[in-house]
Each structure stands twice: as C-alpha cells, then as structure tokens.
Amino acid sequence: MQTLLSEGHDNAAAIFRSIGVYLGHTAALYNALYDGASNVLLLGRVMSGKGGDIIIETANAVLKDEYPDISVDLLLPDENFRRLGQSFVAASLPEIKKA
C-alpha cells in the first residue's frame, strides 16, 4: 500500500485514512479503559512514510472532533525505529521474575 500511495492511488490513501479513524477511536477507548492513558507510541511499517502521516493526521482529527474532552498524544519515534519498532521494544523489555 505504501508503494501504491507513493504512486498517487486514491484507494491506497483511503485505506490509510480508515486506519487513522480506527486508531483515533481506539486511542480514546484506551484512554477510558486505562485510567486516562494519554500517550500512545505507534510502531510498525504501516506508520512509516506518507501512509503514517495520513494515519496520524486522521487519528488526531477524530480525537479532536469526537473526543474534545480528552488529551491523547500519538507519539512516533524516528523512521527506522518505526519500521523495526516491535522487535526493538520486545528486546528491551525487562525480565519479570515470578515470586
């Protein structure tokens, strides 16, 4: 989809906008479920490039328009970390020792 988007295909842009709508509503849900969670770190290849920009822009618009009373920051690391983010995060998790 990233390649099609870079070639100017409107359907590819629509897919990224749809993801952004879902992300906006999900971020608001997380905020309600997790006692005001206000920071969401976004990782993965889908968040890179122009597609990621569309997702963030759309999600922020959903949050602003439909959930004006909550504050959620959608955070993006640098481009390389975004693409490989899940593996970096998994590798950096501390070991949990069972009692």
PDB file of N, CA and C in Angstrom:
ATOM      1  N   MET A   1       0.819  -1.183   0.000  1.00  0.00           N
ATOM      2  CA  MET A   1       0.000   0.000   0.000  1.00  0.00           C
ATOM      3  C   MET A   1       0.868   1.254   0.000  1.00  0.00           C
ATOM      4  N   GLN A   2       2.004   1.208   0.708  1.00  0.00           N
ATOM      5  CA  GLN A   2       2.895   2.375   0.718  1.00  0.00           C
ATOM      6  C   GLN A   2       3.348   2.715  -0.703  1.00  0.00           C
ATOM      7  N   THR A   3       3.668   1.699  -1.486  1.00  0.00           N
ATOM      8  CA  THR A   3       4.107   1.925  -2.863  1.00  0.00           C
ATOM      9  C   THR A   3       2.977   2.510  -3.706  1.00  0.00           C
ATOM     10  N   LEU A   4       1.796   1.937  -3.581  1.00  0.00           N
ATOM     11  CA  LEU A   4       0.654   2.474  -4.334  1.00  0.00           C
ATOM     12  C   LEU A   4       0.357   3.911  -3.929  1.00  0.00           C
ATOM     13  N   LEU A   5       0.480   4.197  -2.633  1.00  0.00           N
ATOM     14  CA  LEU A   5       0.255   5.559  -2.159  1.00  0.00           C
ATOM     15  C   LEU A   5       1.257   6.519  -2.791  1.00  0.00           C
ATOM     16  N   SER A   6       2.522   6.095  -2.839  1.00  0.00           N
ATOM     17  CA  SER A   6       3.551   6.962  -3.429  1.00  0.00           C
ATOM     18  C   SER A   6       3.336   7.176  -4.924  1.00  0.00           C
ATOM     19  N   GLU A   7       2.596   6.264  -5.550  1.00  0.00           N
ATOM     20  CA  GLU A   7       2.269   6.398  -6.973  1.00  0.00           C
ATOM     21  C   GLU A   7       0.982   7.194  -7.191  1.00  0.00           C
ATOM     22  N   GLY A   8       0.359   7.646  -6.095  1.00  0.00           N
ATOM     23  CA  GLY A   8      -0.802   8.516  -6.204  1.00  0.00           C
ATOM     24  C   GLY A   8      -2.152   7.822  -6.264  1.00  0.00           C
ATOM     25  N   HIS A   9      -2.231   6.560  -5.889  1.00  0.00           N
ATOM     26  CA  HIS A   9      -3.503   5.842  -5.922  1.00  0.00           C
ATOM     27  C   HIS A   9      -4.418   6.293  -4.778  1.00  0.00           C
ATOM     28  N   ASP A  10      -5.594   6.786  -5.137  1.00  0.00           N
ATOM     29  CA  ASP A  10      -6.549   7.283  -4.140  1.00  0.00           C
ATOM     30  C   ASP A  10      -7.040   6.189  -3.200  1.00  0.00           C
ATOM     31  N   ASN A  11      -7.193   4.969  -3.696  1.00  0.00           N
ATOM     32  CA  ASN A  11      -7.666   3.877  -2.842  1.00  0.00           C
ATOM     33  C   ASN A  11      -6.655   3.567  -1.738  1.00  0.00           C
ATOM     34  N   ALA A  12      -5.388   3.690  -2.025  1.00  0.00           N
ATOM     35  CA  ALA A  12      -4.367   3.452  -1.000  1.00  0.00           C
ATOM     36  C   ALA A  12      -4.477   4.516   0.092  1.00  0.00           C
ATOM     37  N   ALA A  13      -4.660   5.759  -0.300  1.00  0.00           N
ATOM     38  CA  ALA A  13      -4.828   6.837   0.684  1.00  0.00           C
ATOM     39  C   ALA A  13      -6.070   6.591   1.537  1.00  0.00           C
ATOM     40  N   ALA A  14      -7.138   6.088   0.932  1.00  0.00           N
ATOM     41  CA  ALA A  14      -8.374   5.809   1.672  1.00  0.00           C
ATOM     42  C   ALA A  14      -8.150   4.728   2.722  1.00  0.00           C
ATOM     43  N   ILE A  15      -7.321   3.747   2.407  1.00  0.00           N
ATOM     44  CA  ILE A  15      -7.014   2.693   3.382  1.00  0.00           C
ATOM     45  C   ILE A  15      -6.304   3.291   4.588  1.00  0.00           C
ATOM     46  N   PHE A  16      -5.327   4.149   4.359  1.00  0.00           N
ATOM     47  CA  PHE A  16      -4.603   4.770   5.469  1.00  0.00           C
ATOM     48  C   PHE A  16      -5.508   5.700   6.283  1.00  0.00           C
ATOM     49  N   ARG A  17      -6.429   6.380   5.620  1.00  0.00           N
ATOM     50  CA  ARG A  17      -7.402   7.205   6.351  1.00  0.00           C
ATOM     51  C   ARG A  17      -8.296   6.332   7.234  1.00  0.00           C
ATOM     52  N   SER A  18      -8.721   5.197   6.717  1.00  0.00           N
ATOM     53  CA  SER A  18      -9.544   4.276   7.519  1.00  0.00           C
ATOM     54  C   SER A  18      -8.790   3.792   8.752  1.00  0.00           C
ATOM     55  N   ILE A  19      -7.526   3.472   8.579  1.00  0.00           N
ATOM     56  CA  ILE A  19      -6.707   3.052   9.720  1.00  0.00           C
ATOM     57  C   ILE A  19      -6.644   4.184  10.744  1.00  0.00           C
ATOM     58  N   GLY A  20      -6.505   5.409  10.271  1.00  0.00           N
ATOM     59  CA  GLY A  20      -6.460   6.563  11.162  1.00  0.00           C
ATOM     60  C   GLY A  20      -7.746   6.749  11.948  1.00  0.00           C
ATOM     61  N   VAL A  21      -8.889   6.509  11.305  1.00  0.00           N
ATOM     62  CA  VAL A  21     -10.176   6.610  12.007  1.00  0.00           C
ATOM     63  C   VAL A  21     -10.232   5.569  13.122  1.00  0.00           C
ATOM     64  N   TYR A  22      -9.875   4.337  12.799  1.00  0.00           N
ATOM     65  CA  TYR A  22      -9.867   3.283  13.820  1.00  0.00           C
ATOM     66  C   TYR A  22      -8.898   3.623  14.947  1.00  0.00           C
ATOM     67  N   LEU A  23      -7.734   4.139  14.603  1.00  0.00           N
ATOM     68  CA  LEU A  23      -6.738   4.487  15.616  1.00  0.00           C
ATOM     69  C   LEU A  23      -7.253   5.586  16.539  1.00  0.00           C
ATOM     70  N   GLY A  24      -7.900   6.598  15.987  1.00  0.00           N
ATOM     71  CA  GLY A  24      -8.439   7.678  16.806  1.00  0.00           C
ATOM     72  C   GLY A  24      -9.451   7.173  17.818  1.00  0.00           C
ATOM     73  N   HIS A  25     -10.378   6.345  17.363  1.00  0.00           N
ATOM     74  CA  HIS A  25     -11.377   5.795  18.277  1.00  0.00           C
ATOM     75  C   HIS A  25     -10.744   4.850  19.297  1.00  0.00           C
ATOM     76  N   THR A  26      -9.769   4.065  18.872  1.00  0.00           N
ATOM     77  CA  THR A  26      -9.103   3.135  19.779  1.00  0.00           C
ATOM     78  C   THR A  26      -8.293   3.875  20.834  1.00  0.00           C
ATOM     79  N   ALA A  27      -7.624   4.944  20.453  1.00  0.00           N
ATOM     80  CA  ALA A  27      -6.869   5.742  21.427  1.00  0.00           C
ATOM     81  C   ALA A  27      -7.798   6.325  22.487  1.00  0.00           C
ATOM     82  N   ALA A  28      -8.967   6.764  22.075  1.00  0.00           N
ATOM     83  CA  ALA A  28      -9.945   7.279  23.037  1.00  0.00           C
ATOM     84  C   ALA A  28     -10.439   6.162  23.955  1.00  0.00           C
ATOM     85  N   LEU A  29     -10.652   4.988  23.415  1.00  0.00           N
ATOM     86  CA  LEU A  29     -11.073   3.843  24.218  1.00  0.00           C
ATOM     87  C   LEU A  29      -9.995   3.474  25.233  1.00  0.00           C
ATOM     88  N   TYR A  30      -8.739   3.431  24.801  1.00  0.00           N
ATOM     89  CA  TYR A  30      -7.634   3.148  25.732  1.00  0.00           C
ATOM     90  C   TYR A  30      -7.584   4.188  26.845  1.00  0.00           C
ATOM     91  N   ASN A  31      -7.826   5.431  26.481  1.00  0.00           N
ATOM     92  CA  ASN A  31      -7.836   6.498  27.480  1.00  0.00           C
ATOM     93  C   ASN A  31      -8.896   6.233  28.536  1.00  0.00           C
ATOM     94  N   ALA A  32     -10.052   5.750  28.121  1.00  0.00           N
ATOM     95  CA  ALA A  32     -11.137   5.450  29.068  1.00  0.00           C
ATOM     96  C   ALA A  32     -10.858   4.180  29.868  1.00  0.00           C
ATOM     97  N   LEU A  33     -10.340   3.157  29.217  1.00  0.00           N
ATOM     98  CA  LEU A  33     -10.119   1.877  29.890  1.00  0.00           C
ATOM     99  C   LEU A  33      -8.917   1.888  30.831  1.00  0.00           C
ATOM    100  N   TYR A  34      -7.891   2.619  30.470  1.00  0.00           N
ATOM    101  CA  TYR A  34      -6.648   2.613  31.236  1.00  0.00           C
ATOM    102  C   TYR A  34      -6.460   3.891  32.037  1.00  0.00           C
ATOM    103  N   ASP A  35      -7.531   4.343  32.647  1.00  0.00           N
ATOM    104  CA  ASP A  35      -7.496   5.453  33.601  1.00  0.00           C
ATOM    105  C   ASP A  35      -6.744   6.679  33.077  1.00  0.00           C
ATOM    106  N   GLY A  36      -7.156   7.136  31.932  1.00  0.00           N
ATOM    107  CA  GLY A  36      -6.599   8.367  31.395  1.00  0.00           C
ATOM    108  C   GLY A  36      -5.274   8.216  30.681  1.00  0.00           C
ATOM    109  N   ALA A  37      -4.964   7.019  30.176  1.00  0.00           N
ATOM    110  CA  ALA A  37      -3.722   6.837  29.413  1.00  0.00           C
ATOM    111  C   ALA A  37      -3.675   7.901  28.321  1.00  0.00           C
ATOM    112  N   SER A  38      -2.606   8.673  28.309  1.00  0.00           N
ATOM    113  CA  SER A  38      -2.588   9.810  27.394  1.00  0.00           C
ATOM    114  C   SER A  38      -1.454   9.779  26.373  1.00  0.00           C
ATOM    115  N   ASN A  39      -0.614   8.762  26.415  1.00  0.00           N
ATOM    116  CA  ASN A  39       0.480   8.642  25.448  1.00  0.00           C
ATOM    117  C   ASN A  39       0.398   7.297  24.757  1.00  0.00           C
ATOM    118  N   VAL A  40       0.409   7.330  23.422  1.00  0.00           N
ATOM    119  CA  VAL A  40       0.363   6.104  22.634  1.00  0.00           C
ATOM    120  C   VAL A  40       1.560   6.119  21.691  1.00  0.00           C
ATOM    121  N   LEU A  41       2.439   5.129  21.843  1.00  0.00           N
ATOM    122  CA  LEU A  41       3.608   5.001  20.983  1.00  0.00           C
ATOM    123  C   LEU A  41       3.225   4.140  19.790  1.00  0.00           C
ATOM    124  N   LEU A  42       3.386   4.679  18.605  1.00  0.00           N
ATOM    125  CA  LEU A  42       2.976   3.995  17.375  1.00  0.00           C
ATOM    126  C   LEU A  42       4.202   3.445  16.657  1.00  0.00           C
ATOM    127  N   LEU A  43       4.159   2.138  16.395  1.00  0.00           N
ATOM    128  CA  LEU A  43       5.289   1.456  15.780  1.00  0.00           C
ATOM    129  C   LEU A  43       4.826   0.640  14.586  1.00  0.00           C
ATOM    130  N   GLY A  44       5.762   0.156  13.818  1.00  0.00           N
ATOM    131  CA  GLY A  44       5.472  -0.743  12.712  1.00  0.00           C
ATOM    132  C   GLY A  44       5.580  -0.061  11.362  1.00  0.00           C
ATOM    133  N   ARG A  45       5.735  -0.865  10.349  1.00  0.00           N
ATOM    134  CA  ARG A  45       5.936  -0.388   8.982  1.00  0.00           C
ATOM    135  C   ARG A  45       4.774   0.478   8.502  1.00  0.00           C
ATOM    136  N   VAL A  46       3.561   0.155   8.950  1.00  0.00           N
ATOM    137  CA  VAL A  46       2.397   0.926   8.494  1.00  0.00           C
ATOM    138  C   VAL A  46       2.505   2.392   8.906  1.00  0.00           C
ATOM    139  N   MET A  47       3.253   2.679   9.966  1.00  0.00           N
ATOM    140  CA  MET A  47       3.371   4.053  10.451  1.00  0.00           C
ATOM    141  C   MET A  47       4.475   4.833   9.750  1.00  0.00           C
ATOM    142  N   SER A  48       5.189   4.199   8.840  1.00  0.00           N
ATOM    143  CA  SER A  48       6.284   4.900   8.175  1.00  0.00           C
ATOM    144  C   SER A  48       5.792   5.619   6.917  1.00  0.00           C
ATOM    145  N   GLY A  49       6.580   6.558   6.486  1.00  0.00           N
ATOM    146  CA  GLY A  49       6.313   7.256   5.235  1.00  0.00           C
ATOM    147  C   GLY A  49       5.034   8.070   5.220  1.00  0.00           C
ATOM    148  N   LYS A  50       4.580   8.316   4.004  1.00  0.00           N
ATOM    149  CA  LYS A  50       3.395   9.134   3.777  1.00  0.00           C
ATOM    150  C   LYS A  50       2.132   8.508   4.377  1.00  0.00           C
ATOM    151  N   GLY A  51       2.061   7.170   4.364  1.00  0.00           N
ATOM    152  CA  GLY A  51       0.909   6.484   4.937  1.00  0.00           C
ATOM    153  C   GLY A  51       0.777   6.760   6.427  1.00  0.00           C
ATOM    154  N   GLY A  52       1.905   6.731   7.128  1.00  0.00           N
ATOM    155  CA  GLY A  52       1.897   7.031   8.555  1.00  0.00           C
ATOM    156  C   GLY A  52       1.440   8.452   8.829  1.00  0.00           C
ATOM    157  N   ASP A  53       1.862   9.372   7.976  1.00  0.00           N
ATOM    158  CA  ASP A  53       1.431  10.770   8.126  1.00  0.00           C
ATOM    159  C   ASP A  53      -0.090  10.897   7.992  1.00  0.00           C
ATOM    160  N   ILE A  54      -0.660  10.172   7.029  1.00  0.00           N
ATOM    161  CA  ILE A  54      -2.114  10.203   6.834  1.00  0.00           C
ATOM    162  C   ILE A  54      -2.821   9.610   8.054  1.00  0.00           C
ATOM    163  N   ILE A  55      -2.290   8.500   8.570  1.00  0.00           N
ATOM    164  CA  ILE A  55      -2.895   7.850   9.736  1.00  0.00           C
ATOM    165  C   ILE A  55      -2.919   8.803  10.924  1.00  0.00           C
ATOM    166  N   ILE A  56      -1.773   9.424  11.223  1.00  0.00           N
ATOM    167  CA  ILE A  56      -1.674  10.335  12.367  1.00  0.00           C
ATOM    168  C   ILE A  56      -2.604  11.530  12.197  1.00  0.00           C
ATOM    169  N   GLU A  57      -2.591  12.122  11.023  1.00  0.00           N
ATOM    170  CA  GLU A  57      -3.441  13.292  10.759  1.00  0.00           C
ATOM    171  C   GLU A  57      -4.919  12.944  10.948  1.00  0.00           C
ATOM    172  N   THR A  58      -5.331  11.800  10.431  1.00  0.00           N
ATOM    173  CA  THR A  58      -6.727  11.381  10.543  1.00  0.00           C
ATOM    174  C   THR A  58      -7.090  11.046  11.987  1.00  0.00           C
ATOM    175  N   ALA A  59      -6.218  10.311  12.674  1.00  0.00           N
ATOM    176  CA  ALA A  59      -6.487   9.941  14.067  1.00  0.00           C
ATOM    177  C   ALA A  59      -6.593  11.180  14.952  1.00  0.00           C
ATOM    178  N   ASN A  60      -5.706  12.135  14.743  1.00  0.00           N
ATOM    179  CA  ASN A  60      -5.778  13.378  15.533  1.00  0.00           C
ATOM    180  C   ASN A  60      -7.063  14.151  15.249  1.00  0.00           C
ATOM    181  N   ALA A  61      -7.517  14.134  14.003  1.00  0.00           N
ATOM    182  CA  ALA A  61      -8.779  14.809  13.662  1.00  0.00           C
ATOM    183  C   ALA A  61      -9.961  14.124  14.358  1.00  0.00           C
ATOM    184  N   VAL A  62      -9.959  12.793  14.393  1.00  0.00           N
ATOM    185  CA  VAL A  62     -11.026  12.057  15.083  1.00  0.00           C
ATOM    186  C   VAL A  62     -11.017  12.404  16.568  1.00  0.00           C
ATOM    187  N   LEU A  63      -9.838  12.395  17.170  1.00  0.00           N
ATOM    188  CA  LEU A  63      -9.739  12.715  18.597  1.00  0.00           C
ATOM    189  C   LEU A  63     -10.241  14.133  18.876  1.00  0.00           C
ATOM    190  N   LYS A  64      -9.845  15.082  18.049  1.00  0.00           N
ATOM    191  CA  LYS A  64     -10.249  16.478  18.247  1.00  0.00           C
ATOM    192  C   LYS A  64     -11.749  16.672  18.045  1.00  0.00           C
ATOM    193  N   ASP A  65     -12.287  16.061  16.991  1.00  0.00           N
ATOM    194  CA  ASP A  65     -13.698  16.272  16.644  1.00  0.00           C
ATOM    195  C   ASP A  65     -14.662  15.486  17.534  1.00  0.00           C
ATOM    196  N   GLU A  66     -14.300  14.260  17.864  1.00  0.00           N
ATOM    197  CA  GLU A  66     -15.252  13.392  18.561  1.00  0.00           C
ATOM    198  C   GLU A  66     -14.973  13.210  20.049  1.00  0.00           C
ATOM    199  N   TYR A  67     -13.764  13.551  20.477  1.00  0.00           N
ATOM    200  CA  TYR A  67     -13.401  13.388  21.893  1.00  0.00           C
ATOM    201  C   TYR A  67     -12.665  14.642  22.392  1.00  0.00           C
ATOM    202  N   PRO A  68     -13.304  15.800  22.301  1.00  0.00           N
ATOM    203  CA  PRO A  68     -12.599  17.043  22.635  1.00  0.00           C
ATOM    204  C   PRO A  68     -12.222  17.167  24.113  1.00  0.00           C
ATOM    205  N   ASP A  69     -12.832  16.376  24.975  1.00  0.00           N
ATOM    206  CA  ASP A  69     -12.564  16.490  26.410  1.00  0.00           C
ATOM    207  C   ASP A  69     -11.386  15.654  26.890  1.00  0.00           C
ATOM    208  N   ILE A  70     -10.808  14.844  26.012  1.00  0.00           N
ATOM    209  CA  ILE A  70      -9.662  14.044  26.442  1.00  0.00           C
ATOM    210  C   ILE A  70      -8.405  14.500  25.709  1.00  0.00           C
ATOM    211  N   SER A  71      -7.276  14.188  26.304  1.00  0.00           N
ATOM    212  CA  SER A  71      -5.990  14.530  25.693  1.00  0.00           C
ATOM    213  C   SER A  71      -5.196  13.252  25.489  1.00  0.00           C
ATOM    214  N   VAL A  72      -4.940  12.921  24.233  1.00  0.00           N
ATOM    215  CA  VAL A  72      -4.139  11.758  23.883  1.00  0.00           C
ATOM    216  C   VAL A  72      -3.070  12.207  22.904  1.00  0.00           C
ATOM    217  N   ASP A  73      -1.820  11.905  23.229  1.00  0.00           N
ATOM    218  CA  ASP A  73      -0.707  12.223  22.335  1.00  0.00           C
ATOM    219  C   ASP A  73      -0.297  10.967  21.594  1.00  0.00           C
ATOM    220  N   LEU A  74      -0.329  11.031  20.279  1.00  0.00           N
ATOM    221  CA  LEU A  74       0.127   9.935  19.443  1.00  0.00           C
ATOM    222  C   LEU A  74       1.589  10.195  19.118  1.00  0.00           C
ATOM    223  N   LEU A  75       2.459   9.319  19.590  1.00  0.00           N
ATOM    224  CA  LEU A  75       3.898   9.545  19.509  1.00  0.00           C
ATOM    225  C   LEU A  75       4.546   8.646  18.475  1.00  0.00           C
ATOM    226  N   LEU A  76       5.454   9.222  17.701  1.00  0.00           N
ATOM    227  CA  LEU A  76       6.186   8.477  16.679  1.00  0.00           C
ATOM    228  C   LEU A  76       7.689   8.594  16.919  1.00  0.00           C
ATOM    229  N   PRO A  77       8.390   7.473  16.988  1.00  0.00           N
ATOM    230  CA  PRO A  77       9.842   7.540  17.031  1.00  0.00           C
ATOM    231  C   PRO A  77      10.377   7.837  15.625  1.00  0.00           C
ATOM    232  N   ASP A  78      11.694   7.844  15.461  1.00  0.00           N
ATOM    233  CA  ASP A  78      12.253   8.118  14.133  1.00  0.00           C
ATOM    234  C   ASP A  78      11.855   7.014  13.151  1.00  0.00           C
ATOM    235  N   GLU A  79      12.057   7.278  11.872  1.00  0.00           N
ATOM    236  CA  GLU A  79      11.584   6.397  10.790  1.00  0.00           C
ATOM    237  C   GLU A  79      12.126   4.969  10.921  1.00  0.00           C
ATOM    238  N   ASN A  80      13.401   4.806  11.201  1.00  0.00           N
ATOM    239  CA  ASN A  80      13.987   3.466  11.323  1.00  0.00           C
ATOM    240  C   ASN A  80      13.372   2.699  12.487  1.00  0.00           C
ATOM    241  N   PHE A  81      13.220   3.359  13.618  1.00  0.00           N
ATOM    242  CA  PHE A  81      12.644   2.702  14.787  1.00  0.00           C
ATOM    243  C   PHE A  81      11.187   2.317  14.516  1.00  0.00           C
ATOM    244  N   ARG A  82      10.470   3.145  13.776  1.00  0.00           N
ATOM    245  CA  ARG A  82       9.077   2.834  13.445  1.00  0.00           C
ATOM    246  C   ARG A  82       8.976   1.532  12.676  1.00  0.00           C
ATOM    247  N   ARG A  83       9.857   1.360  11.712  1.00  0.00           N
ATOM    248  CA  ARG A  83       9.799   0.175  10.857  1.00  0.00           C
ATOM    249  C   ARG A  83      10.140  -1.096  11.620  1.00  0.00           C
ATOM    250  N   LEU A  84      11.065  -0.988  12.547  1.00  0.00           N
ATOM    251  CA  LEU A  84      11.518  -2.170  13.278  1.00  0.00           C
ATOM    252  C   LEU A  84      11.106  -2.136  14.741  1.00  0.00           C
ATOM    253  N   GLY A  85      10.227  -1.233  15.071  1.00  0.00           N
ATOM    254  CA  GLY A  85       9.896  -0.923  16.451  1.00  0.00           C
ATOM    255  C   GLY A  85       9.513  -2.069  17.341  1.00  0.00           C
ATOM    256  N   GLN A  86       8.655  -2.965  16.867  1.00  0.00           N
ATOM    257  CA  GLN A  86       8.195  -4.031  17.739  1.00  0.00           C
ATOM    258  C   GLN A  86       9.339  -4.919  18.185  1.00  0.00           C
ATOM    259  N   SER A  87      10.273  -5.208  17.298  1.00  0.00           N
ATOM    260  CA  SER A  87      11.390  -6.065  17.689  1.00  0.00           C
ATOM    261  C   SER A  87      12.303  -5.337  18.672  1.00  0.00           C
ATOM    262  N   PHE A  88      12.501  -4.024  18.494  1.00  0.00           N
ATOM    263  CA  PHE A  88      13.304  -3.252  19.443  1.00  0.00           C
ATOM    264  C   PHE A  88      12.654  -3.240  20.823  1.00  0.00           C
ATOM    265  N   VAL A  89      11.361  -2.997  20.851  1.00  0.00           N
ATOM    266  CA  VAL A  89      10.653  -2.936  22.125  1.00  0.00           C
ATOM    267  C   VAL A  89      10.694  -4.293  22.816  1.00  0.00           C
ATOM    268  N   ALA A  90      10.427  -5.343  22.086  1.00  0.00           N
ATOM    269  CA  ALA A  90      10.442  -6.686  22.668  1.00  0.00           C
ATOM    270  C   ALA A  90      11.819  -7.011  23.243  1.00  0.00           C
ATOM    271  N   ALA A  91      12.870  -6.619  22.545  1.00  0.00           N
ATOM    272  CA  ALA A  91      14.229  -6.912  23.007  1.00  0.00           C
ATOM    273  C   ALA A  91      14.599  -6.099  24.241  1.00  0.00           C
ATOM    274  N   SER A  92      13.922  -4.982  24.457  1.00  0.00           N
ATOM    275  CA  SER A  92      14.287  -4.110  25.577  1.00  0.00           C
ATOM    276  C   SER A  92      13.413  -4.297  26.824  1.00  0.00           C
ATOM    277  N   LEU A  93      12.422  -5.189  26.744  1.00  0.00           N
ATOM    278  CA  LEU A  93      11.563  -5.409  27.898  1.00  0.00           C
ATOM    279  C   LEU A  93      12.343  -6.084  29.021  1.00  0.00           C
ATOM    280  N   PRO A  94      12.119  -5.645  30.254  1.00  0.00           N
ATOM    281  CA  PRO A  94      12.818  -6.284  31.374  1.00  0.00           C
ATOM    282  C   PRO A  94      12.238  -7.665  31.654  1.00  0.00           C
ATOM    283  N   GLU A  95      13.058  -8.509  32.217  1.00  0.00           N
ATOM    284  CA  GLU A  95      12.595  -9.839  32.612  1.00  0.00           C
ATOM    285  C   GLU A  95      11.751  -9.701  33.869  1.00  0.00           C
ATOM    286  N   ILE A  96      10.627 -10.358  33.890  1.00  0.00           N
ATOM    287  CA  ILE A  96       9.755 -10.319  35.061  1.00  0.00           C
ATOM    288  C   ILE A  96      10.009 -11.587  35.872  1.00  0.00           C
ATOM    289  N   LYS A  97      10.406 -11.382  37.106  1.00  0.00           N
ATOM    290  CA  LYS A  97      10.701 -12.515  37.977  1.00  0.00           C
ATOM    291  C   LYS A  97       9.455 -12.874  38.764  1.00  0.00           C
ATOM    292  N   LYS A  98       9.128 -14.144  38.747  1.00  0.00           N
ATOM    293  CA  LYS A  98       7.945 -14.613  39.474  1.00  0.00           C
ATOM    294  C   LYS A  98       8.296 -14.800  40.947  1.00  0.00           C
ATOM    295  N   ALA A  99       7.386 -14.430  41.794  1.00  0.00           N
ATOM    296  CA  ALA A  99       7.622 -14.536  43.238  1.00  0.00           C
ATOM    297  C   ALA A  99       7.476 -15.954  43.732  1.00  0.00           C
TER     298      ALA A  99
END
